[in-house]
Amino acid sequence: MSQGSSHCPHKVAVIVDEGTNPFEVGVATELFGLPRPELGLPGPLYDVTLCTPMPEVRMNHGFFTLTGVPGLEAVDEADTLVVPGRPDNVVPRGAAVLDAIRRTHARGARVMSLCTGSFALAEAGLLDGRRATTHWRWADTFQELHPKVLLEPDVLFVDEGDILTAAGSAAALDLCLHVVRRDHGAEVTNAVSRRLVFAAHRDGGQKQFVERPVPDVPDESLGPLLAWAQERLGEPLTVADLAARAAVSPATLHRRFRTQLGTTPLAWLTGERVALACRLIERGEERLDVVAARSGLGTAANLRARVRRETGLSPSAYRRRFGPAAGEPLQT
């Protein structure tokens, strides 16, 4: 049985500090807080609580004021703490907020920042000697203020296990979907992303700032090609096949993928195949060779390596965690 079927949902606390960006708060509440009856589960995926360091908090630019929510004591019940960003990143956070972040991490809960929320995690001392990211616009300032952090300024998000950081605002969606996938598997994540009308999975290593020049005529959108390839993942598709389908050279296709998706054709194709393999495992397919063949990953050995690299779990462990029921190890 997957984690999504638990009657005691994972508790998420979101710290809303003075000047917090409404977008990141909205992302956290949308991804973790909404009921999802379309999943057919006996309860919600998460139990979300907003909390503030004071009874009344003004959001960024005074768009609105948040009142009537719990104080920072709510973090002491959380399994995951979310720290959204705010624009005044050089202004120190309040001692109460930093203490809440530190004690949450100290007792073993997961801590994640969205956009420039990474400044708060760094100020609390959680990121020293660790990999992290932040909004590209604030990368230089971040490095000046927090030189002990191993900043990766070009990626969408960084997952360090117990600490996760997202880049610029929209990357918050990518990180939150990544967390849903870690907690509940690919099938649930696909359902959540469909409701969002957003890509279910963009690898954290993709570039966070993708230039998008006005396209020339004819339309060079990759949408039709991606849809065509997704229907044929079990076939021996190559980058040359994708280029031929798009009627362009492999070099031109590579440039379009980099421009529009921030990744390469091969990396995208491999990611889609791993996602399909995970869905097959979740649906109960026990034979590794069948999963490898149907997903286009070829061999059981390649499947094992790819699934472990993507999820941190072996196929057998992935099935035990996200499959329809606990059972015997997957068959080779």
C-alpha atoms as a PDB file:
ATOM      1  CA  MET A   1       0.000   0.000   0.000  1.00  0.00           C
ATOM      2  CA  SER A   2       1.414   3.420  -0.884  1.00  0.00           C
ATOM      3  CA  GLN A   3       1.905   6.193   1.607  1.00  0.00           C
ATOM      4  CA  GLY A   4      -0.965   8.079   0.010  1.00  0.00           C
ATOM      5  CA  SER A   5      -3.438   5.628   1.544  1.00  0.00           C
ATOM      6  CA  SER A   6      -2.429   6.398   5.133  1.00  0.00           C
ATOM      7  CA  HIS A   7      -5.121   7.622   7.525  1.00  0.00           C
ATOM      8  CA  CYS A   8      -2.516   9.751   9.332  1.00  0.00           C
ATOM      9  CA  PRO A   9      -1.349  12.167   6.633  1.00  0.00           C
ATOM     10  CA  HIS A  10       2.111  13.663   6.633  1.00  0.00           C
ATOM     11  CA  LYS A  11       2.022  17.019   8.462  1.00  0.00           C
ATOM     12  CA  VAL A  12       3.355  20.072   6.616  1.00  0.00           C
ATOM     13  CA  ALA A  13       3.923  23.478   8.229  1.00  0.00           C
ATOM     14  CA  VAL A  14       4.473  26.583   6.072  1.00  0.00           C
ATOM     15  CA  ILE A  15       6.153  29.574   7.720  1.00  0.00           C
ATOM     16  CA  VAL A  16       4.635  32.853   6.522  1.00  0.00           C
ATOM     17  CA  ASP A  17       6.949  35.652   7.607  1.00  0.00           C
ATOM     18  CA  GLU A  18       6.543  39.410   7.149  1.00  0.00           C
ATOM     19  CA  GLY A  19       6.833  40.216   3.427  1.00  0.00           C
ATOM     20  CA  THR A  20       6.561  36.602   2.245  1.00  0.00           C
ATOM     21  CA  ASN A  21       5.811  36.141  -1.467  1.00  0.00           C
ATOM     22  CA  PRO A  22       2.184  35.046  -1.973  1.00  0.00           C
ATOM     23  CA  PHE A  23       3.082  32.858  -4.964  1.00  0.00           C
ATOM     24  CA  GLU A  24       5.245  30.419  -3.023  1.00  0.00           C
ATOM     25  CA  VAL A  25       2.673  30.217  -0.219  1.00  0.00           C
ATOM     26  CA  GLY A  26       0.066  29.453  -2.875  1.00  0.00           C
ATOM     27  CA  VAL A  27       2.242  26.732  -4.398  1.00  0.00           C
ATOM     28  CA  ALA A  28       2.707  25.026  -1.034  1.00  0.00           C
ATOM     29  CA  THR A  29      -0.992  25.141  -0.178  1.00  0.00           C
ATOM     30  CA  GLU A  30      -2.041  24.054  -3.684  1.00  0.00           C
ATOM     31  CA  LEU A  31       0.352  21.097  -3.847  1.00  0.00           C
ATOM     32  CA  PHE A  32       0.121  19.911  -0.256  1.00  0.00           C
ATOM     33  CA  GLY A  33      -3.103  21.365   1.123  1.00  0.00           C
ATOM     34  CA  LEU A  34      -5.939  20.692  -1.324  1.00  0.00           C
ATOM     35  CA  PRO A  35      -8.163  17.613  -1.003  1.00  0.00           C
ATOM     36  CA  ARG A  36      -7.792  15.270  -3.960  1.00  0.00           C
ATOM     37  CA  PRO A  37     -10.924  13.119  -4.224  1.00  0.00           C
ATOM     38  CA  GLU A  38      -9.960  12.157  -7.779  1.00  0.00           C
ATOM     39  CA  LEU A  39      -7.250   9.904  -6.330  1.00  0.00           C
ATOM     40  CA  GLY A  40      -9.809   7.700  -4.597  1.00  0.00           C
ATOM     41  CA  LEU A  41      -7.792   7.583  -1.380  1.00  0.00           C
ATOM     42  CA  PRO A  42      -9.337   7.305   2.109  1.00  0.00           C
ATOM     43  CA  GLY A  43      -7.754  10.572   3.255  1.00  0.00           C
ATOM     44  CA  PRO A  44      -5.672  13.595   2.182  1.00  0.00           C
ATOM     45  CA  LEU A  45      -2.061  13.276   1.100  1.00  0.00           C
ATOM     46  CA  TYR A  46      -0.915  15.906   3.586  1.00  0.00           C
ATOM     47  CA  ASP A  47      -2.173  17.904   6.567  1.00  0.00           C
ATOM     48  CA  VAL A  48      -1.072  21.519   5.968  1.00  0.00           C
ATOM     49  CA  THR A  49      -0.825  24.331   8.507  1.00  0.00           C
ATOM     50  CA  LEU A  50       0.202  27.933   7.850  1.00  0.00           C
ATOM     51  CA  CYS A  51       2.011  29.528  10.783  1.00  0.00           C
ATOM     52  CA  THR A  52       3.334  33.011  11.492  1.00  0.00           C
ATOM     53  CA  PRO A  53       5.756  34.653  13.940  1.00  0.00           C
ATOM     54  CA  MET A  54       3.154  37.287  14.861  1.00  0.00           C
ATOM     55  CA  PRO A  55      -0.640  37.517  14.972  1.00  0.00           C
ATOM     56  CA  GLU A  56      -0.821  39.645  11.826  1.00  0.00           C
ATOM     57  CA  VAL A  57       1.564  39.337   8.858  1.00  0.00           C
ATOM     58  CA  ARG A  58       1.606  41.573   5.781  1.00  0.00           C
ATOM     59  CA  MET A  59       2.486  39.781   2.563  1.00  0.00           C
ATOM     60  CA  ASN A  60       4.915  41.111  -0.058  1.00  0.00           C
ATOM     61  CA  HIS A  61       4.022  44.675  -1.141  1.00  0.00           C
ATOM     62  CA  GLY A  62       1.101  44.630   1.275  1.00  0.00           C
ATOM     63  CA  PHE A  63      -1.105  42.739  -1.184  1.00  0.00           C
ATOM     64  CA  PHE A  64      -3.000  41.300   1.766  1.00  0.00           C
ATOM     65  CA  THR A  65      -2.625  40.541   5.448  1.00  0.00           C
ATOM     66  CA  LEU A  66      -2.690  37.071   6.968  1.00  0.00           C
ATOM     67  CA  THR A  67      -4.362  36.665  10.349  1.00  0.00           C
ATOM     68  CA  GLY A  68      -6.019  33.944  12.394  1.00  0.00           C
ATOM     69  CA  VAL A  69      -3.422  31.214  11.848  1.00  0.00           C
ATOM     70  CA  PRO A  70      -1.295  29.391  14.440  1.00  0.00           C
ATOM     71  CA  GLY A  71       1.995  30.706  15.720  1.00  0.00           C
ATOM     72  CA  LEU A  72       5.402  29.145  15.143  1.00  0.00           C
ATOM     73  CA  GLU A  73       4.709  26.451  17.730  1.00  0.00           C
ATOM     74  CA  ALA A  74       2.975  24.638  14.846  1.00  0.00           C
ATOM     75  CA  VAL A  75       6.363  23.673  13.408  1.00  0.00           C
ATOM     76  CA  ASP A  76       6.920  21.332  16.360  1.00  0.00           C
ATOM     77  CA  GLU A  77       4.235  18.984  14.994  1.00  0.00           C
ATOM     78  CA  ALA A  78       5.414  19.067  11.368  1.00  0.00           C
ATOM     79  CA  ASP A  79       7.013  16.242   9.420  1.00  0.00           C
ATOM     80  CA  THR A  80       7.978  18.758   6.724  1.00  0.00           C
ATOM     81  CA  LEU A  81       8.646  22.481   7.106  1.00  0.00           C
ATOM     82  CA  VAL A  82       8.268  24.768   4.064  1.00  0.00           C
ATOM     83  CA  VAL A  83       9.969  28.176   4.049  1.00  0.00           C
ATOM     84  CA  PRO A  84       8.805  30.399   1.163  1.00  0.00           C
ATOM     85  CA  GLY A  85      10.828  33.345  -0.113  1.00  0.00           C
ATOM     86  CA  ARG A  86      10.571  37.065   0.419  1.00  0.00           C
ATOM     87  CA  PRO A  87      12.184  39.941  -1.544  1.00  0.00           C
ATOM     88  CA  ASP A  88      14.206  41.613   1.261  1.00  0.00           C
ATOM     89  CA  ASN A  89      16.832  38.903   1.394  1.00  0.00           C
ATOM     90  CA  VAL A  90      19.603  41.006   2.944  1.00  0.00           C
ATOM     91  CA  VAL A  91      17.403  41.861   5.951  1.00  0.00           C
ATOM     92  CA  PRO A  92      18.020  39.325   8.749  1.00  0.00           C
ATOM     93  CA  ARG A  93      15.165  37.020   9.675  1.00  0.00           C
ATOM     94  CA  GLY A  94      13.645  37.284  13.109  1.00  0.00           C
ATOM     95  CA  ALA A  95      15.148  35.174  15.874  1.00  0.00           C
ATOM     96  CA  ALA A  96      11.870  33.293  16.363  1.00  0.00           C
ATOM     97  CA  VAL A  97      11.749  32.218  12.707  1.00  0.00           C
ATOM     98  CA  LEU A  98      15.369  31.076  12.701  1.00  0.00           C
ATOM     99  CA  ASP A  99      14.861  29.161  15.948  1.00  0.00           C
ATOM    100  CA  ALA A 100      11.783  27.439  14.484  1.00  0.00           C
ATOM    101  CA  ILE A 101      13.777  26.346  11.443  1.00  0.00           C
ATOM    102  CA  ARG A 102      16.705  25.090  13.534  1.00  0.00           C
ATOM    103  CA  ARG A 103      14.655  23.084  16.011  1.00  0.00           C
ATOM    104  CA  THR A 104      12.545  21.546  13.251  1.00  0.00           C
ATOM    105  CA  HIS A 105      15.659  20.281  11.499  1.00  0.00           C
ATOM    106  CA  ALA A 106      17.312  19.212  14.764  1.00  0.00           C
ATOM    107  CA  ARG A 107      14.506  16.775  15.581  1.00  0.00           C
ATOM    108  CA  GLY A 108      14.801  15.117  12.162  1.00  0.00           C
ATOM    109  CA  ALA A 109      11.960  16.676  10.172  1.00  0.00           C
ATOM    110  CA  ARG A 110      12.348  17.516   6.499  1.00  0.00           C
ATOM    111  CA  VAL A 111      12.987  21.194   5.703  1.00  0.00           C
ATOM    112  CA  MET A 112      12.476  22.755   2.274  1.00  0.00           C
ATOM    113  CA  SER A 113      12.757  26.293   0.939  1.00  0.00           C
ATOM    114  CA  LEU A 114      11.015  27.831  -2.049  1.00  0.00           C
ATOM    115  CA  CYS A 115      12.709  30.528  -4.129  1.00  0.00           C
ATOM    116  CA  THR A 116      14.686  32.852  -1.809  1.00  0.00           C
ATOM    117  CA  GLY A 117      13.521  30.984   1.278  1.00  0.00           C
ATOM    118  CA  SER A 118      16.987  29.436   1.029  1.00  0.00           C
ATOM    119  CA  PHE A 119      18.361  32.651   2.559  1.00  0.00           C
ATOM    120  CA  ALA A 120      16.497  31.826   5.782  1.00  0.00           C
ATOM    121  CA  LEU A 121      17.810  28.245   5.796  1.00  0.00           C
ATOM    122  CA  ALA A 122      21.346  29.523   5.266  1.00  0.00           C
ATOM    123  CA  GLU A 123      20.971  32.164   7.965  1.00  0.00           C
ATOM    124  CA  ALA A 124      19.818  29.426  10.339  1.00  0.00           C
ATOM    125  CA  GLY A 125      23.030  27.531   9.585  1.00  0.00           C
ATOM    126  CA  LEU A 126      21.353  24.542   7.941  1.00  0.00           C
ATOM    127  CA  LEU A 127      23.118  24.857   4.579  1.00  0.00           C
ATOM    128  CA  ASP A 128      26.788  25.202   5.562  1.00  0.00           C
ATOM    129  CA  GLY A 129      28.795  22.635   3.603  1.00  0.00           C
ATOM    130  CA  ARG A 130      25.698  21.491   1.701  1.00  0.00           C
ATOM    131  CA  ARG A 131      24.505  21.842  -1.866  1.00  0.00           C
ATOM    132  CA  ALA A 132      21.656  24.318  -2.341  1.00  0.00           C
ATOM    133  CA  THR A 133      20.105  26.660  -4.880  1.00  0.00           C
ATOM    134  CA  THR A 134      18.137  29.903  -4.956  1.00  0.00           C
ATOM    135  CA  HIS A 135      16.632  32.312  -7.487  1.00  0.00           C
ATOM    136  CA  TRP A 136      19.261  33.075 -10.141  1.00  0.00           C
ATOM    137  CA  ARG A 137      18.774  36.824  -9.663  1.00  0.00           C
ATOM    138  CA  TRP A 138      19.940  36.588  -6.056  1.00  0.00           C
ATOM    139  CA  ALA A 139      22.742  34.047  -6.554  1.00  0.00           C
ATOM    140  CA  ASP A 140      25.635  36.517  -6.242  1.00  0.00           C
ATOM    141  CA  THR A 141      24.147  38.089  -3.112  1.00  0.00           C
ATOM    142  CA  PHE A 142      23.569  34.654  -1.612  1.00  0.00           C
ATOM    143  CA  GLN A 143      27.186  33.618  -2.193  1.00  0.00           C
ATOM    144  CA  GLU A 144      28.469  36.843  -0.652  1.00  0.00           C
ATOM    145  CA  LEU A 145      26.330  36.415   2.463  1.00  0.00           C
ATOM    146  CA  HIS A 146      26.732  32.650   2.808  1.00  0.00           C
ATOM    147  CA  PRO A 147      30.114  31.564   1.359  1.00  0.00           C
ATOM    148  CA  LYS A 148      30.070  28.215   3.209  1.00  0.00           C
ATOM    149  CA  VAL A 149      27.078  27.001   1.196  1.00  0.00           C
ATOM    150  CA  LEU A 150      27.800  24.980  -1.966  1.00  0.00           C
ATOM    151  CA  LEU A 151      25.481  27.033  -4.165  1.00  0.00           C
ATOM    152  CA  GLU A 152      24.336  25.598  -7.502  1.00  0.00           C
ATOM    153  CA  PRO A 153      22.854  28.714  -9.126  1.00  0.00           C
ATOM    154  CA  ASP A 154      21.712  27.180 -12.426  1.00  0.00           C
ATOM    155  CA  VAL A 155      19.503  24.269 -11.352  1.00  0.00           C
ATOM    156  CA  LEU A 156      15.763  24.078 -10.652  1.00  0.00           C
ATOM    157  CA  PHE A 157      16.096  22.434  -7.245  1.00  0.00           C
ATOM    158  CA  VAL A 158      18.489  20.512  -5.024  1.00  0.00           C
ATOM    159  CA  ASP A 159      17.457  17.488  -2.967  1.00  0.00           C
ATOM    160  CA  GLU A 160      19.841  16.781  -0.103  1.00  0.00           C
ATOM    161  CA  GLY A 161      17.486  14.303   1.547  1.00  0.00           C
ATOM    162  CA  ASP A 162      16.478  16.095   4.732  1.00  0.00           C
ATOM    163  CA  ILE A 163      16.950  19.569   3.234  1.00  0.00           C
ATOM    164  CA  LEU A 164      15.610  20.624  -0.174  1.00  0.00           C
ATOM    165  CA  THR A 165      15.900  24.001  -1.913  1.00  0.00           C
ATOM    166  CA  ALA A 166      14.090  25.342  -4.980  1.00  0.00           C
ATOM    167  CA  ALA A 167      15.210  28.058  -7.361  1.00  0.00           C
ATOM    168  CA  GLY A 168      13.077  30.884  -8.808  1.00  0.00           C
ATOM    169  CA  SER A 169       9.348  31.027  -8.178  1.00  0.00           C
ATOM    170  CA  ALA A 170       8.066  28.507 -10.763  1.00  0.00           C
ATOM    171  CA  ALA A 171      10.718  26.010  -9.642  1.00  0.00           C
ATOM    172  CA  ALA A 172       8.719  25.771  -6.408  1.00  0.00           C
ATOM    173  CA  LEU A 173       6.171  23.768  -8.403  1.00  0.00           C
ATOM    174  CA  ASP A 174       8.921  21.433  -9.608  1.00  0.00           C
ATOM    175  CA  LEU A 175      10.268  20.848  -6.107  1.00  0.00           C
ATOM    176  CA  CYS A 176       6.852  20.309  -4.535  1.00  0.00           C
ATOM    177  CA  LEU A 177       5.930  17.792  -7.253  1.00  0.00           C
ATOM    178  CA  HIS A 178       9.290  16.109  -6.671  1.00  0.00           C
ATOM    179  CA  VAL A 179       8.404  15.788  -2.977  1.00  0.00           C
ATOM    180  CA  VAL A 180       4.975  14.349  -3.804  1.00  0.00           C
ATOM    181  CA  ARG A 181       6.712  11.857  -6.064  1.00  0.00           C
ATOM    182  CA  ARG A 182       9.172  10.929  -3.306  1.00  0.00           C
ATOM    183  CA  ASP A 183       6.358  10.473  -0.807  1.00  0.00           C
ATOM    184  CA  HIS A 184       3.603   8.930  -2.945  1.00  0.00           C
ATOM    185  CA  GLY A 185       5.094   7.711  -6.233  1.00  0.00           C
ATOM    186  CA  ALA A 186       4.785   8.610  -9.912  1.00  0.00           C
ATOM    187  CA  GLU A 187       1.133   7.644 -10.368  1.00  0.00           C
ATOM    188  CA  VAL A 188      -0.152  10.022  -7.693  1.00  0.00           C
ATOM    189  CA  THR A 189       2.201  12.761  -8.913  1.00  0.00           C
ATOM    190  CA  ASN A 190       0.882  12.428 -12.461  1.00  0.00           C
ATOM    191  CA  ALA A 191      -2.677  12.875 -11.188  1.00  0.00           C
ATOM    192  CA  VAL A 192      -1.670  15.959  -9.191  1.00  0.00           C
ATOM    193  CA  SER A 193       0.199  17.459 -12.147  1.00  0.00           C
ATOM    194  CA  ARG A 194      -2.737  16.865 -14.490  1.00  0.00           C
ATOM    195  CA  ARG A 195      -4.945  18.866 -12.155  1.00  0.00           C
ATOM    196  CA  LEU A 196      -2.289  21.592 -12.126  1.00  0.00           C
ATOM    197  CA  VAL A 197      -1.908  21.409 -15.939  1.00  0.00           C
ATOM    198  CA  PHE A 198       1.834  21.286 -15.285  1.00  0.00           C
ATOM    199  CA  ALA A 199       4.627  18.896 -16.214  1.00  0.00           C
ATOM    200  CA  ALA A 200       4.753  16.007 -13.756  1.00  0.00           C
ATOM    201  CA  HIS A 201       8.521  15.886 -13.724  1.00  0.00           C
ATOM    202  CA  ARG A 202      11.361  18.190 -14.663  1.00  0.00           C
ATOM    203  CA  ASP A 203      14.726  17.017 -13.427  1.00  0.00           C
ATOM    204  CA  GLY A 204      16.201  19.214 -10.708  1.00  0.00           C
ATOM    205  CA  GLY A 205      19.412  19.575 -12.686  1.00  0.00           C
ATOM    206  CA  GLN A 206      17.716  21.394 -15.535  1.00  0.00           C
ATOM    207  CA  LYS A 207      18.560  25.053 -16.004  1.00  0.00           C
ATOM    208  CA  GLN A 208      16.324  27.386 -14.012  1.00  0.00           C
ATOM    209  CA  PHE A 209      16.612  30.331 -16.406  1.00  0.00           C
ATOM    210  CA  VAL A 210      15.706  29.372 -19.963  1.00  0.00           C
ATOM    211  CA  GLU A 211      15.746  32.063 -22.612  1.00  0.00           C
ATOM    212  CA  ARG A 212      12.642  31.940 -24.794  1.00  0.00           C
ATOM    213  CA  PRO A 213      13.066  34.084 -27.918  1.00  0.00           C
ATOM    214  CA  VAL A 214      10.020  34.815 -30.036  1.00  0.00           C
ATOM    215  CA  PRO A 215       9.816  31.801 -32.403  1.00  0.00           C
ATOM    216  CA  ASP A 216      10.055  32.182 -36.143  1.00  0.00           C
ATOM    217  CA  VAL A 217       7.386  30.814 -38.428  1.00  0.00           C
ATOM    218  CA  PRO A 218       6.789  27.894 -38.775  1.00  0.00           C
ATOM    219  CA  ASP A 219       6.010  26.997 -35.158  1.00  0.00           C
ATOM    220  CA  GLU A 220       8.919  25.101 -33.599  1.00  0.00           C
ATOM    221  CA  SER A 221       7.084  23.949 -30.486  1.00  0.00           C
ATOM    222  CA  LEU A 222       8.209  20.558 -29.237  1.00  0.00           C
ATOM    223  CA  GLY A 223       4.720  19.674 -27.976  1.00  0.00           C
ATOM    224  CA  PRO A 224       3.611  17.448 -30.874  1.00  0.00           C
ATOM    225  CA  LEU A 225       6.965  15.648 -30.926  1.00  0.00           C
ATOM    226  CA  LEU A 226       6.904  15.006 -27.173  1.00  0.00           C
ATOM    227  CA  ALA A 227       3.364  13.629 -27.365  1.00  0.00           C
ATOM    228  CA  TRP A 228       4.367  11.354 -30.263  1.00  0.00           C
ATOM    229  CA  ALA A 229       7.407  10.049 -28.365  1.00  0.00           C
ATOM    230  CA  GLN A 230       5.478   9.478 -25.132  1.00  0.00           C
ATOM    231  CA  GLU A 231       3.197   7.072 -26.983  1.00  0.00           C
ATOM    232  CA  ARG A 232       6.212   5.062 -28.182  1.00  0.00           C
ATOM    233  CA  LEU A 233       8.520   4.856 -25.166  1.00  0.00           C
ATOM    234  CA  GLY A 234       8.638   1.067 -25.393  1.00  0.00           C
ATOM    235  CA  GLU A 235      10.031   1.256 -28.906  1.00  0.00           C
ATOM    236  CA  PRO A 236      13.784   1.615 -29.580  1.00  0.00           C
ATOM    237  CA  LEU A 237      13.544   5.373 -30.086  1.00  0.00           C
ATOM    238  CA  THR A 238      16.783   7.298 -30.490  1.00  0.00           C
ATOM    239  CA  VAL A 239      17.602  10.986 -30.705  1.00  0.00           C
ATOM    240  CA  ALA A 240      18.017  10.472 -34.457  1.00  0.00           C
ATOM    241  CA  ASP A 241      14.453   9.109 -34.594  1.00  0.00           C
ATOM    242  CA  LEU A 242      13.156  12.182 -32.769  1.00  0.00           C
ATOM    243  CA  ALA A 243      15.045  14.469 -35.137  1.00  0.00           C
ATOM    244  CA  ALA A 244      13.688  12.624 -38.168  1.00  0.00           C
ATOM    245  CA  ARG A 245      10.145  12.886 -36.824  1.00  0.00           C
ATOM    246  CA  ALA A 246      10.630  16.646 -36.333  1.00  0.00           C
ATOM    247  CA  ALA A 247      12.240  16.921 -39.783  1.00  0.00           C
ATOM    248  CA  VAL A 248      15.333  18.629 -38.394  1.00  0.00           C
ATOM    249  CA  SER A 249      18.940  17.656 -37.810  1.00  0.00           C
ATOM    250  CA  PRO A 250      19.967  16.183 -34.430  1.00  0.00           C
ATOM    251  CA  ALA A 251      21.938  19.378 -33.732  1.00  0.00           C
ATOM    252  CA  THR A 252      18.880  21.562 -34.370  1.00  0.00           C
ATOM    253  CA  LEU A 253      16.738  19.296 -32.179  1.00  0.00           C
ATOM    254  CA  HIS A 254      19.299  19.540 -29.401  1.00  0.00           C
ATOM    255  CA  ARG A 255      19.192  23.348 -29.570  1.00  0.00           C
ATOM    256  CA  ARG A 256      15.381  23.362 -29.434  1.00  0.00           C
ATOM    257  CA  PHE A 257      15.344  21.073 -26.394  1.00  0.00           C
ATOM    258  CA  ARG A 258      17.882  23.266 -24.646  1.00  0.00           C
ATOM    259  CA  THR A 259      15.918  26.426 -25.461  1.00  0.00           C
ATOM    260  CA  GLN A 260      12.421  25.162 -24.696  1.00  0.00           C
ATOM    261  CA  LEU A 261      12.985  22.540 -21.985  1.00  0.00           C
ATOM    262  CA  GLY A 262      16.430  23.308 -20.574  1.00  0.00           C
ATOM    263  CA  THR A 263      17.592  19.720 -21.125  1.00  0.00           C
ATOM    264  CA  THR A 264      18.821  17.403 -23.896  1.00  0.00           C
ATOM    265  CA  PRO A 265      16.709  15.054 -26.039  1.00  0.00           C
ATOM    266  CA  LEU A 266      18.416  11.989 -24.538  1.00  0.00           C
ATOM    267  CA  ALA A 267      17.947  13.169 -20.952  1.00  0.00           C
ATOM    268  CA  TRP A 268      14.270  13.915 -21.599  1.00  0.00           C
ATOM    269  CA  LEU A 269      13.705  10.531 -23.243  1.00  0.00           C
ATOM    270  CA  THR A 270      15.424   8.682 -20.393  1.00  0.00           C
ATOM    271  CA  GLY A 271      13.431  10.612 -17.792  1.00  0.00           C
ATOM    272  CA  GLU A 272      10.141   9.752 -19.505  1.00  0.00           C
ATOM    273  CA  ARG A 273      11.106   6.078 -19.653  1.00  0.00           C
ATOM    274  CA  VAL A 274      12.003   5.966 -15.970  1.00  0.00           C
ATOM    275  CA  ALA A 275       8.696   7.643 -15.091  1.00  0.00           C
ATOM    276  CA  LEU A 276       6.831   5.033 -17.141  1.00  0.00           C
ATOM    277  CA  ALA A 277       8.778   2.228 -15.460  1.00  0.00           C
ATOM    278  CA  CYS A 278       7.820   3.589 -12.040  1.00  0.00           C
ATOM    279  CA  ARG A 279       4.154   3.710 -13.022  1.00  0.00           C
ATOM    280  CA  LEU A 280       4.291   0.109 -14.231  1.00  0.00           C
ATOM    281  CA  ILE A 281       5.833  -0.991 -10.935  1.00  0.00           C
ATOM    282  CA  GLU A 282       3.195   0.936  -8.983  1.00  0.00           C
ATOM    283  CA  ARG A 283       0.454  -0.818 -10.967  1.00  0.00           C
ATOM    284  CA  GLY A 284       1.773  -4.198  -9.885  1.00  0.00           C
ATOM    285  CA  GLU A 285       4.024  -5.443 -12.689  1.00  0.00           C
ATOM    286  CA  GLU A 286       6.550  -7.676 -10.888  1.00  0.00           C
ATOM    287  CA  ARG A 287       8.792  -8.801 -13.747  1.00  0.00           C
ATOM    288  CA  LEU A 288      11.760  -6.493 -14.213  1.00  0.00           C
ATOM    289  CA  ASP A 289      12.391  -7.639 -17.769  1.00  0.00           C
ATOM    290  CA  VAL A 290       8.796  -6.784 -18.713  1.00  0.00           C
ATOM    291  CA  VAL A 291       9.025  -3.346 -17.064  1.00  0.00           C
ATOM    292  CA  ALA A 292      12.347  -2.692 -18.806  1.00  0.00           C
ATOM    293  CA  ALA A 293      10.968  -3.716 -22.197  1.00  0.00           C
ATOM    294  CA  ARG A 294       7.689  -1.813 -21.938  1.00  0.00           C
ATOM    295  CA  SER A 295       9.394   1.362 -20.714  1.00  0.00           C
ATOM    296  CA  GLY A 296      12.153   1.254 -23.325  1.00  0.00           C
ATOM    297  CA  LEU A 297      14.953   0.896 -20.778  1.00  0.00           C
ATOM    298  CA  GLY A 298      16.008  -2.363 -22.403  1.00  0.00           C
ATOM    299  CA  THR A 299      17.502  -4.535 -19.686  1.00  0.00           C
ATOM    300  CA  ALA A 300      16.738  -5.280 -16.051  1.00  0.00           C
ATOM    301  CA  ALA A 301      20.224  -4.041 -15.127  1.00  0.00           C
ATOM    302  CA  ASN A 302      19.656  -0.676 -16.815  1.00  0.00           C
ATOM    303  CA  LEU A 303      16.229  -0.447 -15.180  1.00  0.00           C
ATOM    304  CA  ARG A 304      17.700  -1.028 -11.733  1.00  0.00           C
ATOM    305  CA  ALA A 305      20.386   1.600 -12.255  1.00  0.00           C
ATOM    306  CA  ARG A 306      18.019   4.218 -13.679  1.00  0.00           C
ATOM    307  CA  VAL A 307      15.286   3.752 -11.074  1.00  0.00           C
ATOM    308  CA  ARG A 308      17.794   3.899  -8.227  1.00  0.00           C
ATOM    309  CA  ARG A 309      19.408   7.019  -9.650  1.00  0.00           C
ATOM    310  CA  GLU A 310      16.039   8.764 -10.053  1.00  0.00           C
ATOM    311  CA  THR A 311      14.264   7.666  -6.860  1.00  0.00           C
ATOM    312  CA  GLY A 312      17.036   6.537  -4.522  1.00  0.00           C
ATOM    313  CA  LEU A 313      15.311   3.147  -4.285  1.00  0.00           C
ATOM    314  CA  SER A 314      15.803  -0.216  -5.941  1.00  0.00           C
ATOM    315  CA  PRO A 315      12.814  -1.408  -8.029  1.00  0.00           C
ATOM    316  CA  SER A 316      11.879  -3.880  -5.255  1.00  0.00           C
ATOM    317  CA  ALA A 317      12.028  -1.172  -2.598  1.00  0.00           C
ATOM    318  CA  TYR A 318      10.054   1.157  -4.853  1.00  0.00           C
ATOM    319  CA  ARG A 319       7.327  -1.459  -5.249  1.00  0.00           C
ATOM    320  CA  ARG A 320       7.176  -2.096  -1.496  1.00  0.00           C
ATOM    321  CA  ARG A 321       6.747   1.608  -0.895  1.00  0.00           C
ATOM    322  CA  PHE A 322       4.413   2.603  -3.732  1.00  0.00           C
ATOM    323  CA  GLY A 323       2.982  -0.631  -5.165  1.00  0.00           C
ATOM    324  CA  PRO A 324      -0.598  -1.849  -4.689  1.00  0.00           C
ATOM    325  CA  ALA A 325       0.445  -4.126  -1.820  1.00  0.00           C
ATOM    326  CA  ALA A 326       3.530  -5.460  -0.132  1.00  0.00           C
ATOM    327  CA  GLY A 327       4.796  -8.609  -1.734  1.00  0.00           C
ATOM    328  CA  GLU A 328       7.704 -10.665  -2.913  1.00  0.00           C
ATOM    329  CA  PRO A 329      10.805  -9.053  -4.479  1.00  0.00           C
ATOM    330  CA  LEU A 330      10.485  -8.165  -8.129  1.00  0.00           C
ATOM    331  CA  GLN A 331      11.307 -10.964 -10.542  1.00  0.00           C
ATOM    332  CA  THR A 332      14.226 -10.532 -12.899  1.00  0.00           C
END
